[in-house]
Amino acid sequence: MRGSYPIEHRLERLALARAYVALTGVMVRSVFGQKHADHSLLLIDAAIMVGRAENKPMNATKIAHYVGLPRSMVIRKLKEFVDSGVITREGNVFLLSEQRAHNQTKYVAEAMRIFRAAEKALKV
């Protein structure tokens, strides 16, 4: 077969790729509904969730460092998020809006299901 070659750790890569695609879909639906999402917005949103979960909300500089994007881009994207009501700004840190924070339970459950499926596939 043209272009075919053995892939080291093929099954592991397959499980991780499937999990990534599924988790990205969960993130898009949890934050944007059915609208198209900019990849950088997903990274920024994930960083905001990490900061809050660790009880260390992040400012724009920390978010930029965490996701590896230029601070100026992060600031522009944060403004989009604030304007759309996805996140709120409290002083110099950013949090999920209260509405979004309370609406996450079903997405967390879906994400955990994806993790369990990926873990099962990786053990095979």
N, C-alpha and C. Protein backbone atom coordinates (compact mmCIF):
# COMPACT_ATOMS: atom_id res chain seq x y z
N MET A 1 0.85 -1.17 0.00
CA MET A 1 0.00 0.00 0.00
C MET A 1 0.89 1.24 0.00
N ARG A 2 0.64 2.16 -0.90
CA ARG A 2 1.43 3.37 -1.04
C ARG A 2 1.32 4.23 0.23
N GLY A 3 2.46 4.71 0.73
CA GLY A 3 2.47 5.56 1.90
C GLY A 3 2.26 4.82 3.20
N SER A 4 2.23 3.49 3.14
CA SER A 4 2.00 2.71 4.36
C SER A 4 3.32 2.35 4.99
N TYR A 5 3.39 2.48 6.29
CA TYR A 5 4.58 2.09 7.02
C TYR A 5 4.17 1.76 8.44
N PRO A 6 4.94 0.93 9.10
CA PRO A 6 4.57 0.59 10.47
C PRO A 6 4.71 1.80 11.39
N ILE A 7 3.76 1.99 12.25
CA ILE A 7 3.79 3.10 13.20
C ILE A 7 4.08 2.53 14.58
N GLU A 8 5.17 3.01 15.16
CA GLU A 8 5.52 2.56 16.50
C GLU A 8 4.42 2.97 17.48
N HIS A 9 4.01 2.06 18.31
CA HIS A 9 2.97 2.30 19.30
C HIS A 9 1.66 2.72 18.63
N ARG A 10 1.32 2.07 17.53
CA ARG A 10 0.15 2.43 16.75
C ARG A 10 -1.13 2.44 17.58
N LEU A 11 -1.35 1.40 18.38
CA LEU A 11 -2.59 1.32 19.14
C LEU A 11 -2.66 2.40 20.21
N GLU A 12 -1.53 2.69 20.84
CA GLU A 12 -1.50 3.77 21.83
C GLU A 12 -1.79 5.12 21.18
N ARG A 13 -1.17 5.35 20.04
CA ARG A 13 -1.41 6.61 19.32
C ARG A 13 -2.87 6.72 18.90
N LEU A 14 -3.43 5.62 18.45
CA LEU A 14 -4.82 5.60 18.04
C LEU A 14 -5.73 5.95 19.22
N ALA A 15 -5.49 5.31 20.37
CA ALA A 15 -6.31 5.58 21.54
C ALA A 15 -6.20 7.03 21.98
N LEU A 16 -4.99 7.56 21.99
CA LEU A 16 -4.79 8.95 22.40
C LEU A 16 -5.40 9.93 21.39
N ALA A 17 -5.26 9.64 20.10
CA ALA A 17 -5.83 10.52 19.08
C ALA A 17 -7.36 10.53 19.17
N ARG A 18 -7.94 9.36 19.36
CA ARG A 18 -9.40 9.30 19.49
C ARG A 18 -9.86 10.06 20.74
N ALA A 19 -9.12 9.89 21.82
CA ALA A 19 -9.48 10.60 23.06
C ALA A 19 -9.33 12.11 22.86
N TYR A 20 -8.28 12.54 22.18
CA TYR A 20 -8.07 13.96 21.94
C TYR A 20 -9.23 14.55 21.13
N VAL A 21 -9.59 13.88 20.07
CA VAL A 21 -10.69 14.37 19.22
C VAL A 21 -11.98 14.43 20.03
N ALA A 22 -12.26 13.38 20.78
CA ALA A 22 -13.49 13.35 21.57
C ALA A 22 -13.48 14.44 22.65
N LEU A 23 -12.36 14.60 23.35
CA LEU A 23 -12.27 15.62 24.40
C LEU A 23 -12.35 17.03 23.82
N THR A 24 -11.76 17.24 22.66
CA THR A 24 -11.86 18.55 22.02
C THR A 24 -13.32 18.84 21.70
N GLY A 25 -14.04 17.83 21.23
CA GLY A 25 -15.47 18.01 20.96
C GLY A 25 -16.23 18.37 22.23
N VAL A 26 -15.91 17.72 23.34
CA VAL A 26 -16.55 18.03 24.61
C VAL A 26 -16.25 19.48 25.00
N MET A 27 -15.01 19.89 24.86
CA MET A 27 -14.64 21.27 25.20
C MET A 27 -15.40 22.27 24.33
N VAL A 28 -15.46 22.02 23.04
CA VAL A 28 -16.17 22.93 22.14
C VAL A 28 -17.63 23.06 22.55
N ARG A 29 -18.29 21.91 22.80
CA ARG A 29 -19.71 21.95 23.17
C ARG A 29 -19.91 22.62 24.53
N SER A 30 -19.00 22.38 25.47
CA SER A 30 -19.20 22.95 26.80
C SER A 30 -19.00 24.46 26.82
N VAL A 31 -18.15 24.96 25.95
CA VAL A 31 -17.86 26.40 25.96
C VAL A 31 -18.64 27.15 24.88
N PHE A 32 -18.73 26.56 23.70
CA PHE A 32 -19.28 27.29 22.55
C PHE A 32 -20.59 26.75 22.03
N GLY A 33 -21.11 25.68 22.61
CA GLY A 33 -22.29 25.06 22.03
C GLY A 33 -21.91 24.37 20.73
N GLN A 34 -22.65 24.60 19.69
CA GLN A 34 -22.35 23.95 18.41
C GLN A 34 -21.54 24.85 17.47
N LYS A 35 -21.15 26.04 17.95
CA LYS A 35 -20.39 26.96 17.10
C LYS A 35 -18.96 26.47 16.90
N HIS A 36 -18.36 26.89 15.82
CA HIS A 36 -16.95 26.60 15.53
C HIS A 36 -16.08 27.25 16.59
N ALA A 37 -15.01 26.59 16.98
CA ALA A 37 -14.14 27.13 18.02
C ALA A 37 -12.71 27.29 17.50
N ASP A 38 -12.12 28.37 17.86
CA ASP A 38 -10.72 28.65 17.58
C ASP A 38 -9.88 27.83 18.57
N HIS A 39 -8.90 27.11 18.07
CA HIS A 39 -8.06 26.25 18.91
C HIS A 39 -7.43 27.03 20.06
N SER A 40 -6.99 28.25 19.81
CA SER A 40 -6.37 29.04 20.87
C SER A 40 -7.38 29.36 21.98
N LEU A 41 -8.64 29.55 21.61
CA LEU A 41 -9.66 29.80 22.63
C LEU A 41 -9.85 28.58 23.53
N LEU A 42 -9.78 27.40 22.94
CA LEU A 42 -9.91 26.19 23.75
C LEU A 42 -8.75 26.05 24.73
N LEU A 43 -7.54 26.36 24.27
CA LEU A 43 -6.38 26.30 25.16
C LEU A 43 -6.52 27.28 26.31
N ILE A 44 -6.94 28.49 25.99
CA ILE A 44 -7.09 29.53 27.01
C ILE A 44 -8.18 29.12 28.01
N ASP A 45 -9.29 28.61 27.50
CA ASP A 45 -10.36 28.17 28.38
C ASP A 45 -9.88 27.04 29.29
N ALA A 46 -9.12 26.10 28.74
CA ALA A 46 -8.61 25.00 29.55
C ALA A 46 -7.68 25.53 30.64
N ALA A 47 -6.84 26.51 30.31
CA ALA A 47 -5.94 27.10 31.31
C ALA A 47 -6.73 27.77 32.43
N ILE A 48 -7.80 28.45 32.06
CA ILE A 48 -8.65 29.09 33.08
C ILE A 48 -9.25 28.03 34.00
N MET A 49 -9.70 26.91 33.43
CA MET A 49 -10.26 25.84 34.24
C MET A 49 -9.20 25.22 35.16
N VAL A 50 -7.99 25.05 34.65
CA VAL A 50 -6.91 24.49 35.47
C VAL A 50 -6.61 25.42 36.65
N GLY A 51 -6.48 26.71 36.36
CA GLY A 51 -6.20 27.68 37.42
C GLY A 51 -7.26 27.65 38.50
N ARG A 52 -8.50 27.58 38.10
CA ARG A 52 -9.60 27.57 39.07
C ARG A 52 -9.62 26.26 39.85
N ALA A 53 -9.41 25.15 39.15
CA ALA A 53 -9.42 23.84 39.82
C ALA A 53 -8.29 23.73 40.84
N GLU A 54 -7.16 24.38 40.56
CA GLU A 54 -6.03 24.37 41.49
C GLU A 54 -6.17 25.46 42.55
N ASN A 55 -7.27 26.20 42.50
CA ASN A 55 -7.51 27.33 43.40
C ASN A 55 -6.43 28.40 43.27
N LYS A 56 -5.94 28.56 42.03
CA LYS A 56 -4.94 29.57 41.71
C LYS A 56 -5.33 30.22 40.37
N PRO A 57 -6.42 31.01 40.38
CA PRO A 57 -6.86 31.62 39.12
C PRO A 57 -5.71 32.34 38.42
N MET A 58 -5.71 32.31 37.11
CA MET A 58 -4.61 32.85 36.32
C MET A 58 -4.92 34.21 35.74
N ASN A 59 -3.86 35.02 35.63
CA ASN A 59 -3.97 36.28 34.90
C ASN A 59 -3.51 36.03 33.47
N ALA A 60 -3.55 37.05 32.64
CA ALA A 60 -3.21 36.90 31.22
C ALA A 60 -1.79 36.40 31.02
N THR A 61 -0.85 36.88 31.82
CA THR A 61 0.55 36.47 31.68
C THR A 61 0.71 34.99 32.00
N LYS A 62 0.09 34.55 33.08
CA LYS A 62 0.19 33.13 33.45
C LYS A 62 -0.48 32.24 32.41
N ILE A 63 -1.63 32.68 31.90
CA ILE A 63 -2.32 31.91 30.86
C ILE A 63 -1.43 31.79 29.63
N ALA A 64 -0.85 32.89 29.21
CA ALA A 64 0.02 32.89 28.02
C ALA A 64 1.18 31.92 28.21
N HIS A 65 1.79 31.95 29.37
CA HIS A 65 2.91 31.05 29.65
C HIS A 65 2.44 29.60 29.67
N TYR A 66 1.31 29.35 30.29
CA TYR A 66 0.78 27.99 30.43
C TYR A 66 0.47 27.35 29.08
N VAL A 67 -0.12 28.13 28.17
CA VAL A 67 -0.54 27.56 26.87
C VAL A 67 0.46 27.81 25.74
N GLY A 68 1.49 28.60 26.01
CA GLY A 68 2.51 28.83 24.99
C GLY A 68 2.09 29.74 23.86
N LEU A 69 1.25 30.72 24.16
CA LEU A 69 0.80 31.69 23.16
C LEU A 69 1.31 33.07 23.56
N PRO A 70 1.48 33.96 22.59
CA PRO A 70 1.89 35.33 22.93
C PRO A 70 0.86 36.01 23.83
N ARG A 71 1.35 36.76 24.80
CA ARG A 71 0.48 37.43 25.76
C ARG A 71 -0.52 38.35 25.05
N SER A 72 -0.07 39.05 24.01
CA SER A 72 -0.96 39.96 23.29
C SER A 72 -2.14 39.21 22.67
N MET A 73 -1.88 38.00 22.15
CA MET A 73 -2.96 37.19 21.58
C MET A 73 -3.90 36.74 22.69
N VAL A 74 -3.35 36.31 23.82
CA VAL A 74 -4.17 35.86 24.94
C VAL A 74 -5.07 36.99 25.42
N ILE A 75 -4.54 38.18 25.52
CA ILE A 75 -5.35 39.32 25.96
C ILE A 75 -6.50 39.57 25.00
N ARG A 76 -6.24 39.51 23.69
CA ARG A 76 -7.33 39.70 22.71
C ARG A 76 -8.39 38.61 22.85
N LYS A 77 -7.95 37.37 23.02
CA LYS A 77 -8.89 36.26 23.14
C LYS A 77 -9.67 36.35 24.45
N LEU A 78 -9.03 36.76 25.52
CA LEU A 78 -9.72 36.93 26.79
C LEU A 78 -10.82 37.97 26.67
N LYS A 79 -10.54 39.03 25.92
CA LYS A 79 -11.56 40.06 25.70
C LYS A 79 -12.76 39.47 24.97
N GLU A 80 -12.51 38.62 23.97
CA GLU A 80 -13.60 37.95 23.26
C GLU A 80 -14.43 37.10 24.23
N PHE A 81 -13.75 36.36 25.07
CA PHE A 81 -14.43 35.53 26.06
C PHE A 81 -15.28 36.36 27.02
N VAL A 82 -14.70 37.43 27.54
CA VAL A 82 -15.44 38.28 28.48
C VAL A 82 -16.66 38.89 27.79
N ASP A 83 -16.45 39.41 26.56
CA ASP A 83 -17.55 40.02 25.82
C ASP A 83 -18.68 39.04 25.53
N SER A 84 -18.33 37.76 25.34
CA SER A 84 -19.36 36.76 25.03
C SER A 84 -19.98 36.15 26.29
N GLY A 85 -19.45 36.49 27.46
CA GLY A 85 -20.01 35.98 28.71
C GLY A 85 -19.51 34.61 29.12
N VAL A 86 -18.51 34.08 28.43
CA VAL A 86 -17.97 32.76 28.77
C VAL A 86 -17.15 32.83 30.04
N ILE A 87 -16.39 33.89 30.20
CA ILE A 87 -15.57 34.07 31.40
C ILE A 87 -15.85 35.44 32.01
N THR A 88 -15.39 35.60 33.23
CA THR A 88 -15.48 36.89 33.90
C THR A 88 -14.08 37.28 34.36
N ARG A 89 -13.91 38.56 34.55
CA ARG A 89 -12.64 39.06 35.06
C ARG A 89 -12.88 39.56 36.47
N GLU A 90 -12.04 39.11 37.39
CA GLU A 90 -12.10 39.58 38.77
C GLU A 90 -10.72 40.12 39.10
N GLY A 91 -10.60 41.44 39.10
CA GLY A 91 -9.28 42.06 39.26
C GLY A 91 -8.45 41.74 38.03
N ASN A 92 -7.32 41.08 38.25
CA ASN A 92 -6.49 40.75 37.09
C ASN A 92 -6.52 39.25 36.75
N VAL A 93 -7.45 38.48 37.36
CA VAL A 93 -7.56 37.06 37.05
C VAL A 93 -8.87 36.78 36.32
N PHE A 94 -8.89 35.63 35.64
CA PHE A 94 -10.03 35.26 34.83
C PHE A 94 -10.61 33.94 35.32
N LEU A 95 -11.95 33.87 35.34
CA LEU A 95 -12.68 32.70 35.81
C LEU A 95 -13.80 32.38 34.82
N LEU A 96 -14.23 31.12 34.82
CA LEU A 96 -15.43 30.80 34.06
C LEU A 96 -16.58 31.61 34.63
N SER A 97 -17.47 32.05 33.78
CA SER A 97 -18.63 32.77 34.29
C SER A 97 -19.42 31.82 35.18
N GLU A 98 -20.19 32.37 36.10
CA GLU A 98 -20.96 31.53 37.03
C GLU A 98 -21.88 30.59 36.27
N GLN A 99 -22.51 31.10 35.22
CA GLN A 99 -23.42 30.27 34.42
C GLN A 99 -22.67 29.08 33.81
N ARG A 100 -21.49 29.34 33.24
CA ARG A 100 -20.70 28.25 32.63
C ARG A 100 -20.20 27.28 33.68
N ALA A 101 -19.77 27.80 34.81
CA ALA A 101 -19.24 26.94 35.86
C ALA A 101 -20.29 25.96 36.36
N HIS A 102 -21.54 26.39 36.47
CA HIS A 102 -22.60 25.51 36.95
C HIS A 102 -23.13 24.59 35.85
N ASN A 103 -22.75 24.84 34.62
CA ASN A 103 -23.26 24.08 33.49
C ASN A 103 -22.25 23.01 33.03
N GLN A 104 -21.21 22.75 33.82
CA GLN A 104 -20.13 21.88 33.37
C GLN A 104 -20.31 20.41 33.74
N THR A 105 -21.21 20.08 34.64
CA THR A 105 -21.31 18.72 35.17
C THR A 105 -21.44 17.67 34.08
N LYS A 106 -22.33 17.88 33.12
CA LYS A 106 -22.52 16.85 32.10
C LYS A 106 -21.29 16.72 31.23
N TYR A 107 -20.54 17.79 31.03
CA TYR A 107 -19.34 17.72 30.20
C TYR A 107 -18.21 17.02 30.94
N VAL A 108 -18.12 17.22 32.24
CA VAL A 108 -17.12 16.52 33.04
C VAL A 108 -17.40 15.02 33.00
N ALA A 109 -18.65 14.64 33.15
CA ALA A 109 -19.02 13.22 33.08
C ALA A 109 -18.66 12.63 31.72
N GLU A 110 -18.93 13.37 30.65
CA GLU A 110 -18.60 12.90 29.31
C GLU A 110 -17.09 12.77 29.13
N ALA A 111 -16.33 13.73 29.65
CA ALA A 111 -14.88 13.69 29.55
C ALA A 111 -14.32 12.49 30.32
N MET A 112 -14.87 12.21 31.49
CA MET A 112 -14.40 11.07 32.27
C MET A 112 -14.69 9.76 31.54
N ARG A 113 -15.82 9.69 30.86
CA ARG A 113 -16.12 8.50 30.07
C ARG A 113 -15.07 8.31 28.97
N ILE A 114 -14.67 9.41 28.34
CA ILE A 114 -13.65 9.35 27.28
C ILE A 114 -12.31 8.91 27.86
N PHE A 115 -11.94 9.44 29.02
CA PHE A 115 -10.69 9.02 29.65
C PHE A 115 -10.70 7.53 29.96
N ARG A 116 -11.81 7.04 30.50
CA ARG A 116 -11.90 5.61 30.83
C ARG A 116 -11.78 4.75 29.58
N ALA A 117 -12.41 5.18 28.49
CA ALA A 117 -12.33 4.42 27.23
C ALA A 117 -10.90 4.42 26.70
N ALA A 118 -10.22 5.57 26.78
CA ALA A 118 -8.83 5.65 26.32
C ALA A 118 -7.94 4.78 27.18
N GLU A 119 -8.15 4.80 28.49
CA GLU A 119 -7.36 3.98 29.40
C GLU A 119 -7.55 2.50 29.07
N LYS A 120 -8.78 2.11 28.83
CA LYS A 120 -9.08 0.72 28.49
C LYS A 120 -8.38 0.33 27.18
N ALA A 121 -8.44 1.22 26.19
CA ALA A 121 -7.80 0.94 24.90
C ALA A 121 -6.29 0.85 25.05
N LEU A 122 -5.71 1.63 25.91
CA LEU A 122 -4.25 1.62 26.11
C LEU A 122 -3.80 0.35 26.84
N LYS A 123 -4.67 -0.26 27.61
CA LYS A 123 -4.31 -1.50 28.33
C LYS A 123 -4.38 -2.72 27.44
N VAL A 124 -5.06 -2.63 26.31
CA VAL A 124 -5.23 -3.77 25.42
C VAL A 124 -3.94 -4.13 24.74
